[in-house]
Amino acid sequence: MTTEPTRTLADGEPLPFATRDVVVVGGGQAALAVGYHLARELRKTDATVALLDRQPGPGGAWRGGWDSLRLFSPAEWSSLPGYLLPRHLAGREAAEYPHRDDVLDYLAAYEERYELPVWRPVRVTGVRRVDGDPAGPLWVETDRGAVAARAVVAATGTAGQPFVPEVPGRGAFGGVQVHSSAYRLPDPFTGCRVLVVGGGNSGAQVLAEVSAVADASWVVEREPRLLPADVNGRVLFDAATARYHALQNGEDAGRPYGLGDIVQVPPVRAAREAGRLDDLRSPIARFTADGVVWTDGSEEAIDAVVWCTGFRPALGFLDGLGVVGSDGRVAVGGTRSVAEPRLWLVGYGSWTGFASATLVGVGRSARATARKVAAALAETPAPISS
């Protein structure tokens, strides 16, 4: 595989190539893991690879995390293949749970360490077949020119597709609404009446700091499960892995812990001990112009809502291939598209590999995908002319 370091394009500068054997769409954790394994699988070949990242700098989805965001696993359990996340990158050697900036620094160091061929900022607008030819290359269209590729790996994750549920009257509400992807600091909510919607780890972390400056309630479908203070993401991942394998073998999986359970990172622990996580509310029945109506019929005036309600796969650029189903997913065998065998998908959640949306979990899917891509290229060895 021919290698080239990351390159940042100037405004208006086109991509300097029109063909690549493999195009990876994305520049975050899943894309980097795929790039790492492709470099090893293709090291004895002349295959060309490009990672096309829409972001202006390293970090992928982590660039959009709020300022105080914490991982809920130790550094050694928050790492991509080949290189552990060092605790010293952002000068926080004593931190049990790495901060967002630790991850940003780590991902930047990772792509530099392995000289991954990342090109940015490049926005992929579509992928299509060339004249319907099932044996030829796929045409990857970008805002920097088009690229013909023998194989395409979609690794865009979900950050580009934040999800907010359709609650009646939401559009008529006159207060502030912000998704966790756009939330940064609690300061704008000081003194306000705020609802934090969503019972996962993001909801817990956002509520922990918003409740310190505002009158905040936690809106959840069911009571959140806070794990014991000594249970971190490593234990959580081990338990989830054991449960996954048990289910695969038809055994009783039990449920000691689940990936949706809440790890008590220090800010969450402090908020729980102060009683700021105790005001739980059932889902909102509907919005009014200045507040909400609860399911019991009572009304309440509020100032703002922070939606910590997750994301959906960011796969709009695949619409031209007709492979995305009504559920927003692509039918896959492993990580390979069933309908379009020149397409692979990595990092979108369990349907593209167990825990593939996590730093520590994506490596397995990335390795398997790189091997399959290398094998597919070997079956049709004639290269695309550069």
Protein backbone atom coordinates (compact mmCIF):
# COMPACT_ATOMS: atom_id res chain seq x y z
CA MET A 1 0.00 0.00 0.00
CA THR A 2 1.30 3.42 -0.87
CA THR A 3 1.23 5.75 2.12
CA GLU A 4 1.01 9.49 2.48
CA PRO A 5 0.50 11.62 5.60
CA THR A 6 -2.59 13.62 6.41
CA ARG A 7 -3.10 16.60 4.20
CA THR A 8 -5.32 19.64 4.78
CA LEU A 9 -6.58 21.18 1.55
CA ALA A 10 -6.75 24.92 1.02
CA ASP A 11 -10.04 26.64 0.24
CA GLY A 12 -11.16 25.63 -3.22
CA GLU A 13 -8.27 23.18 -3.70
CA PRO A 14 -9.41 19.98 -5.45
CA LEU A 15 -8.30 16.49 -4.55
CA PRO A 16 -5.09 15.76 -6.45
CA PHE A 17 -6.30 12.31 -7.54
CA ALA A 18 -9.29 10.94 -9.40
CA THR A 19 -8.90 7.27 -8.47
CA ARG A 20 -8.16 5.22 -5.39
CA ASP A 21 -8.42 1.51 -4.79
CA VAL A 22 -10.14 2.13 -1.45
CA VAL A 23 -11.95 5.22 -0.26
CA VAL A 24 -12.88 5.40 3.43
CA VAL A 25 -15.59 7.99 4.06
CA GLY A 26 -14.91 9.54 7.46
CA GLY A 27 -12.01 10.64 9.61
CA GLY A 28 -13.04 9.71 13.14
CA GLN A 29 -12.30 6.68 15.28
CA ALA A 30 -13.88 4.07 12.97
CA ALA A 31 -12.20 5.46 9.86
CA LEU A 32 -8.79 5.58 11.57
CA ALA A 33 -9.14 1.99 12.80
CA VAL A 34 -10.01 0.87 9.27
CA GLY A 35 -7.09 2.85 7.87
CA TYR A 36 -4.72 1.23 10.38
CA HIS A 37 -5.76 -2.29 9.40
CA LEU A 38 -5.87 -1.54 5.67
CA ALA A 39 -2.25 -0.39 5.86
CA ARG A 40 -1.32 -3.79 7.29
CA GLU A 41 -3.45 -5.91 5.00
CA LEU A 42 -2.28 -4.08 1.87
CA ARG A 43 1.32 -3.40 2.89
CA LYS A 44 2.79 -5.70 0.22
CA THR A 45 0.66 -4.25 -2.58
CA ASP A 46 0.55 -1.04 -4.56
CA ALA A 47 -3.05 -0.37 -3.53
CA THR A 48 -3.97 3.24 -2.89
CA VAL A 49 -6.19 4.34 -0.01
CA ALA A 50 -7.73 7.68 0.95
CA LEU A 51 -9.68 8.65 4.06
CA LEU A 52 -11.98 11.57 3.24
CA ASP A 53 -12.89 13.60 6.33
CA ARG A 54 -15.39 16.46 6.29
CA GLN A 55 -14.00 17.94 9.48
CA PRO A 56 -11.39 20.75 9.38
CA GLY A 57 -9.15 18.91 11.85
CA PRO A 58 -8.64 15.56 13.60
CA GLY A 59 -11.08 14.09 16.07
CA GLY A 60 -14.20 13.16 14.13
CA ALA A 61 -17.34 13.29 16.27
CA TRP A 62 -15.32 14.13 19.37
CA ARG A 63 -14.86 17.64 17.99
CA GLY A 64 -18.54 18.20 18.69
CA GLY A 65 -18.48 17.03 22.30
CA TRP A 66 -19.34 19.46 25.08
CA ASP A 67 -16.43 21.05 26.92
CA SER A 68 -16.55 18.89 30.05
CA LEU A 69 -17.32 15.58 28.32
CA ARG A 70 -15.68 12.60 30.02
CA LEU A 71 -15.17 9.07 28.79
CA PHE A 72 -16.51 6.46 31.15
CA SER A 73 -13.62 4.04 30.62
CA PRO A 74 -9.98 4.34 31.69
CA ALA A 75 -7.50 5.37 29.00
CA GLU A 76 -6.27 1.83 28.36
CA TRP A 77 -9.87 0.80 27.64
CA SER A 78 -10.56 3.74 25.34
CA SER A 79 -7.97 3.01 22.68
CA LEU A 80 -7.79 2.15 19.00
CA PRO A 81 -5.74 -0.80 17.70
CA GLY A 82 -1.99 -0.54 17.99
CA TYR A 83 -1.66 2.47 20.26
CA LEU A 84 -2.96 2.97 23.80
CA LEU A 85 -4.43 6.34 24.71
CA PRO A 86 -1.69 7.83 26.94
CA ARG A 87 -2.85 9.68 30.03
CA HIS A 88 -0.27 12.43 29.53
CA LEU A 89 -1.41 13.75 26.15
CA ALA A 90 -3.45 16.59 27.60
CA GLY A 91 -1.47 16.82 30.84
CA ARG A 92 -4.07 15.00 32.93
CA GLU A 93 -2.08 12.04 34.15
CA ALA A 94 -4.19 11.65 37.30
CA ALA A 95 -7.53 11.56 35.48
CA GLU A 96 -9.27 8.21 35.82
CA TYR A 97 -11.67 9.10 33.01
CA PRO A 98 -10.10 10.90 30.02
CA HIS A 99 -11.57 14.21 28.91
CA ARG A 100 -12.78 15.13 25.43
CA ASP A 101 -9.54 17.00 24.76
CA ASP A 102 -7.51 13.90 25.66
CA VAL A 103 -9.36 12.01 22.93
CA LEU A 104 -8.89 14.82 20.41
CA ASP A 105 -5.16 14.88 21.06
CA TYR A 106 -5.01 11.11 20.90
CA LEU A 107 -6.78 10.83 17.55
CA ALA A 108 -4.53 13.53 16.08
CA ALA A 109 -1.47 11.66 17.33
CA TYR A 110 -2.86 8.35 16.05
CA GLU A 111 -3.23 9.45 12.43
CA GLU A 112 0.20 11.08 12.54
CA ARG A 113 1.84 8.05 14.16
CA TYR A 114 0.64 5.72 11.41
CA GLU A 115 0.83 8.28 8.58
CA LEU A 116 -2.76 7.58 7.65
CA PRO A 117 -3.80 9.14 4.32
CA VAL A 118 -6.48 11.50 5.63
CA TRP A 119 -7.64 14.31 3.35
CA ARG A 120 -9.63 17.15 4.84
CA PRO A 121 -11.87 19.01 4.78
CA VAL A 122 -13.59 16.93 2.11
CA ARG A 123 -17.35 16.48 2.19
CA VAL A 124 -18.63 13.36 0.42
CA THR A 125 -21.95 14.23 -1.20
CA GLY A 126 -22.82 10.92 -2.82
CA VAL A 127 -21.74 7.48 -3.97
CA ARG A 128 -23.10 6.02 -7.19
CA ARG A 129 -22.54 3.25 -9.66
CA VAL A 130 -20.87 4.13 -12.95
CA ASP A 131 -23.39 3.39 -15.70
CA GLY A 132 -24.85 0.66 -13.54
CA ASP A 133 -21.72 -1.46 -14.01
CA PRO A 134 -21.63 -4.06 -11.18
CA ALA A 135 -17.97 -4.87 -11.85
CA GLY A 136 -16.52 -1.41 -12.29
CA PRO A 137 -15.59 1.20 -9.68
CA LEU A 138 -17.96 3.19 -7.52
CA TRP A 139 -18.03 6.94 -8.11
CA VAL A 140 -17.46 8.89 -4.89
CA GLU A 141 -18.66 12.46 -5.35
CA THR A 142 -17.21 15.18 -3.11
CA ASP A 143 -17.04 18.95 -2.90
CA ARG A 144 -13.40 18.63 -4.02
CA GLY A 145 -14.01 16.50 -7.12
CA ALA A 146 -15.03 12.92 -7.77
CA VAL A 147 -13.00 9.77 -7.09
CA ALA A 148 -13.42 6.35 -8.70
CA ALA A 149 -12.90 3.62 -6.09
CA ARG A 150 -12.79 -0.16 -6.30
CA ALA A 151 -14.04 -0.37 -2.72
CA VAL A 152 -15.77 2.12 -0.43
CA VAL A 153 -15.88 1.88 3.36
CA ALA A 154 -18.52 4.05 5.03
CA ALA A 155 -17.27 5.11 8.48
CA THR A 156 -19.15 8.35 9.10
CA GLY A 157 -20.69 7.27 12.39
CA THR A 158 -23.80 8.97 13.69
CA ALA A 159 -22.70 12.41 14.88
CA GLY A 160 -23.89 14.05 11.69
CA GLN A 161 -27.44 12.84 12.32
CA PRO A 162 -28.62 13.97 15.79
CA PHE A 163 -32.00 12.59 16.77
CA VAL A 164 -34.78 14.55 18.47
CA PRO A 165 -38.11 12.77 19.01
CA GLU A 166 -41.24 14.18 17.48
CA VAL A 167 -43.14 15.40 20.52
CA PRO A 168 -46.42 17.18 19.69
CA GLY A 169 -46.09 20.97 19.71
CA ARG A 170 -42.30 20.96 19.85
CA GLY A 171 -42.06 23.41 16.96
CA ALA A 172 -44.32 25.89 18.71
CA PHE A 173 -42.31 26.02 21.92
CA GLY A 174 -40.79 29.47 22.28
CA GLY A 175 -37.94 28.56 24.60
CA VAL A 176 -34.47 27.25 23.86
CA GLN A 177 -33.97 23.79 22.45
CA VAL A 178 -30.50 22.32 21.94
CA HIS A 179 -29.31 18.82 21.14
CA SER A 180 -26.35 17.47 23.09
CA SER A 181 -24.32 17.66 19.85
CA ALA A 182 -24.59 21.46 20.01
CA TYR A 183 -24.39 21.82 23.80
CA ARG A 184 -21.08 23.18 25.09
CA LEU A 185 -21.36 24.85 28.53
CA PRO A 186 -24.02 25.20 31.25
CA ASP A 187 -23.50 28.96 31.59
CA PRO A 188 -26.31 30.04 29.18
CA PHE A 189 -28.81 28.17 31.37
CA THR A 190 -27.92 29.90 34.64
CA GLY A 191 -31.05 30.63 36.65
CA CYS A 192 -33.34 28.95 34.10
CA ARG A 193 -35.89 26.15 34.36
CA VAL A 194 -34.38 23.37 32.21
CA LEU A 195 -35.39 19.87 31.18
CA VAL A 196 -32.63 17.42 30.24
CA VAL A 197 -34.20 14.66 28.13
CA GLY A 198 -32.53 11.28 27.84
CA GLY A 199 -31.54 8.65 30.40
CA GLY A 200 -28.10 7.63 29.12
CA ASN A 201 -24.58 8.66 30.04
CA SER A 202 -24.79 11.88 28.02
CA GLY A 203 -28.00 12.87 29.81
CA ALA A 204 -26.41 12.16 33.19
CA GLN A 205 -23.27 14.18 32.45
CA VAL A 206 -25.15 17.16 31.01
CA LEU A 207 -27.65 17.17 33.87
CA ALA A 208 -24.83 16.99 36.41
CA GLU A 209 -23.42 20.33 35.33
CA VAL A 210 -26.61 22.11 34.22
CA SER A 211 -28.25 21.32 37.57
CA ALA A 212 -25.43 23.17 39.32
CA VAL A 213 -26.51 26.50 37.77
CA ALA A 214 -30.19 25.93 36.92
CA ASP A 215 -33.42 24.39 38.18
CA ALA A 216 -33.11 21.19 36.14
CA SER A 217 -35.15 18.00 35.90
CA TRP A 218 -34.27 14.73 34.22
CA VAL A 219 -36.87 13.50 31.71
CA VAL A 220 -36.58 9.74 31.19
CA GLU A 221 -38.71 6.86 29.93
CA ARG A 222 -37.60 4.64 32.81
CA GLU A 223 -35.53 5.17 35.93
CA PRO A 224 -31.85 5.37 34.95
CA ARG A 225 -29.58 2.69 36.30
CA LEU A 226 -26.53 4.23 37.96
CA LEU A 227 -23.77 1.71 38.36
CA PRO A 228 -21.85 1.34 41.63
CA ALA A 229 -19.13 3.94 42.01
CA ASP A 230 -16.37 1.36 41.48
CA VAL A 231 -17.77 0.11 38.16
CA ASN A 232 -16.24 1.87 35.17
CA GLY A 233 -16.53 1.37 31.43
CA ARG A 234 -14.03 -1.49 31.44
CA VAL A 235 -16.26 -3.59 33.67
CA LEU A 236 -19.27 -2.49 31.66
CA PHE A 237 -17.65 -3.51 28.37
CA ASP A 238 -16.51 -6.88 29.77
CA ALA A 239 -20.02 -7.62 31.02
CA ALA A 240 -21.60 -6.55 27.73
CA THR A 241 -19.13 -8.71 25.80
CA ALA A 242 -19.90 -11.75 27.93
CA ARG A 243 -23.61 -11.13 27.46
CA TYR A 244 -23.17 -10.80 23.67
CA HIS A 245 -21.30 -14.12 23.42
CA ALA A 246 -23.86 -15.84 25.62
CA LEU A 247 -26.67 -14.69 23.35
CA GLN A 248 -24.70 -15.82 20.29
CA ASN A 249 -24.40 -19.28 21.86
CA GLY A 250 -28.05 -19.44 22.86
CA GLU A 251 -27.22 -19.28 26.55
CA ASP A 252 -28.87 -17.36 29.37
CA ALA A 253 -27.22 -13.94 29.15
CA GLY A 254 -28.55 -12.45 32.37
CA ARG A 255 -28.05 -8.72 32.79
CA PRO A 256 -25.45 -7.70 35.37
CA TYR A 257 -24.69 -4.51 33.49
CA GLY A 258 -25.55 -3.03 30.11
CA LEU A 259 -23.89 -0.53 27.79
CA GLY A 260 -26.76 1.88 28.47
CA ASP A 261 -26.15 1.92 32.21
CA ILE A 262 -24.63 5.05 33.70
CA VAL A 263 -21.06 5.18 34.91
CA GLN A 264 -20.49 7.55 37.82
CA VAL A 265 -17.70 9.68 36.43
CA PRO A 266 -16.68 12.29 39.05
CA PRO A 267 -19.15 15.05 38.01
CA VAL A 268 -22.05 12.57 37.94
CA ARG A 269 -21.04 11.13 41.30
CA ALA A 270 -20.88 14.59 42.85
CA ALA A 271 -24.28 15.54 41.45
CA ARG A 272 -25.84 12.31 42.72
CA GLU A 273 -24.40 12.84 46.20
CA ALA A 274 -25.79 16.39 46.18
CA GLY A 275 -29.25 15.09 45.20
CA ARG A 276 -29.27 16.89 41.86
CA LEU A 277 -30.14 13.76 39.87
CA ASP A 278 -33.22 12.94 41.90
CA ASP A 279 -35.87 15.01 40.09
CA LEU A 280 -37.01 12.44 37.54
CA ARG A 281 -39.91 13.22 35.21
CA SER A 282 -41.86 11.01 32.84
CA PRO A 283 -41.80 11.76 29.10
CA ILE A 284 -43.38 14.98 27.87
CA ALA A 285 -46.91 14.59 26.51
CA ARG A 286 -46.77 17.78 24.44
CA PHE A 287 -45.28 21.24 24.30
CA THR A 288 -47.03 24.59 24.68
CA ALA A 289 -45.71 27.97 23.62
CA ASP A 290 -44.02 28.50 26.98
CA GLY A 291 -43.68 25.06 28.51
CA VAL A 292 -44.82 21.46 28.59
CA VAL A 293 -47.81 19.32 29.44
CA TRP A 294 -46.90 16.18 31.38
CA THR A 295 -48.57 12.81 30.92
CA ASP A 296 -50.72 13.39 34.03
CA GLY A 297 -52.20 16.50 32.38
CA SER A 298 -50.37 19.05 34.50
CA GLU A 299 -48.67 22.00 32.80
CA GLU A 300 -45.36 23.64 33.60
CA ALA A 301 -43.56 26.66 32.25
CA ILE A 302 -39.94 26.01 31.26
CA ASP A 303 -37.14 27.98 29.66
CA ALA A 304 -35.09 25.36 27.84
CA VAL A 305 -34.72 21.72 26.80
CA VAL A 306 -31.45 19.88 26.25
CA TRP A 307 -32.07 16.82 24.09
CA CYS A 308 -29.67 14.00 25.03
CA THR A 309 -31.55 11.60 22.80
CA GLY A 310 -28.80 10.14 20.67
CA PHE A 311 -28.11 9.92 16.99
CA ARG A 312 -28.95 7.95 13.87
CA PRO A 313 -26.54 6.62 11.20
CA ALA A 314 -25.31 9.44 8.94
CA LEU A 315 -25.81 7.63 5.63
CA GLY A 316 -27.48 10.20 3.41
CA PHE A 317 -24.52 10.13 1.01
CA LEU A 318 -25.48 6.53 0.12
CA ASP A 319 -28.96 7.41 -1.13
CA GLY A 320 -27.85 7.10 -4.77
CA LEU A 321 -27.03 3.42 -4.26
CA GLY A 322 -30.50 2.59 -2.93
CA VAL A 323 -29.08 0.49 -0.10
CA VAL A 324 -30.39 2.36 2.95
CA GLY A 325 -33.55 0.79 4.33
CA SER A 326 -36.54 2.46 5.97
CA ASP A 327 -34.93 1.84 9.35
CA GLY A 328 -31.91 3.94 8.34
CA ARG A 329 -29.65 0.90 8.15
CA VAL A 330 -28.00 -1.05 5.34
CA ALA A 331 -28.48 -4.82 5.07
CA VAL A 332 -25.04 -6.31 5.68
CA GLY A 333 -23.31 -9.66 5.84
CA GLY A 334 -20.70 -8.95 8.47
CA THR A 335 -19.87 -5.38 7.48
CA ARG A 336 -20.33 -5.83 3.72
CA SER A 337 -23.43 -4.50 2.01
CA VAL A 338 -25.65 -7.28 0.69
CA ALA A 339 -27.00 -5.22 -2.21
CA GLU A 340 -23.72 -3.49 -3.12
CA PRO A 341 -20.68 -5.76 -2.54
CA ARG A 342 -18.21 -2.95 -3.21
CA LEU A 343 -19.46 -1.19 -0.07
CA TRP A 344 -18.59 -1.88 3.58
CA LEU A 345 -19.85 -0.12 6.73
CA VAL A 346 -17.99 0.18 10.03
CA GLY A 347 -18.75 1.84 13.35
CA TYR A 348 -22.51 2.41 13.24
CA GLY A 349 -23.45 0.19 16.16
CA SER A 350 -24.17 -3.47 16.76
CA TRP A 351 -25.50 -4.10 13.26
CA THR A 352 -21.99 -3.44 11.92
CA GLY A 353 -20.19 -5.28 14.71
CA PHE A 354 -20.50 -5.64 18.47
CA ALA A 355 -19.58 -2.36 20.24
CA SER A 356 -18.32 -0.98 16.91
CA ALA A 357 -19.43 2.53 17.86
CA THR A 358 -16.90 2.65 20.71
CA LEU A 359 -13.18 3.40 20.72
CA VAL A 360 -12.22 0.06 22.21
CA GLY A 361 -14.79 -1.97 20.27
CA VAL A 362 -14.33 -0.78 16.69
CA GLY A 363 -10.97 -2.47 16.18
CA ARG A 364 -12.45 -5.93 15.71
CA SER A 365 -14.86 -4.81 12.98
CA ALA A 366 -12.16 -2.68 11.35
CA ARG A 367 -9.74 -5.61 11.18
CA ALA A 368 -12.33 -7.98 9.71
CA THR A 369 -13.37 -5.36 7.17
CA ALA A 370 -9.82 -4.61 6.07
CA ARG A 371 -9.20 -8.31 5.48
CA LYS A 372 -12.36 -8.65 3.40
CA VAL A 373 -11.54 -5.54 1.39
CA ALA A 374 -8.02 -6.79 0.69
CA ALA A 375 -9.41 -10.14 -0.44
CA ALA A 376 -11.93 -8.44 -2.71
CA LEU A 377 -9.22 -6.33 -4.31
CA ALA A 378 -7.11 -9.44 -4.88
CA GLU A 379 -10.01 -11.06 -6.74
CA THR A 380 -9.99 -8.21 -9.26
CA PRO A 381 -6.31 -7.22 -9.27
CA ALA A 382 -6.33 -4.89 -12.27
CA PRO A 383 -5.77 -1.43 -10.72
CA ILE A 384 -7.67 1.69 -11.65
CA SER A 385 -5.32 3.91 -13.61
CA SER A 386 -4.35 6.99 -11.63
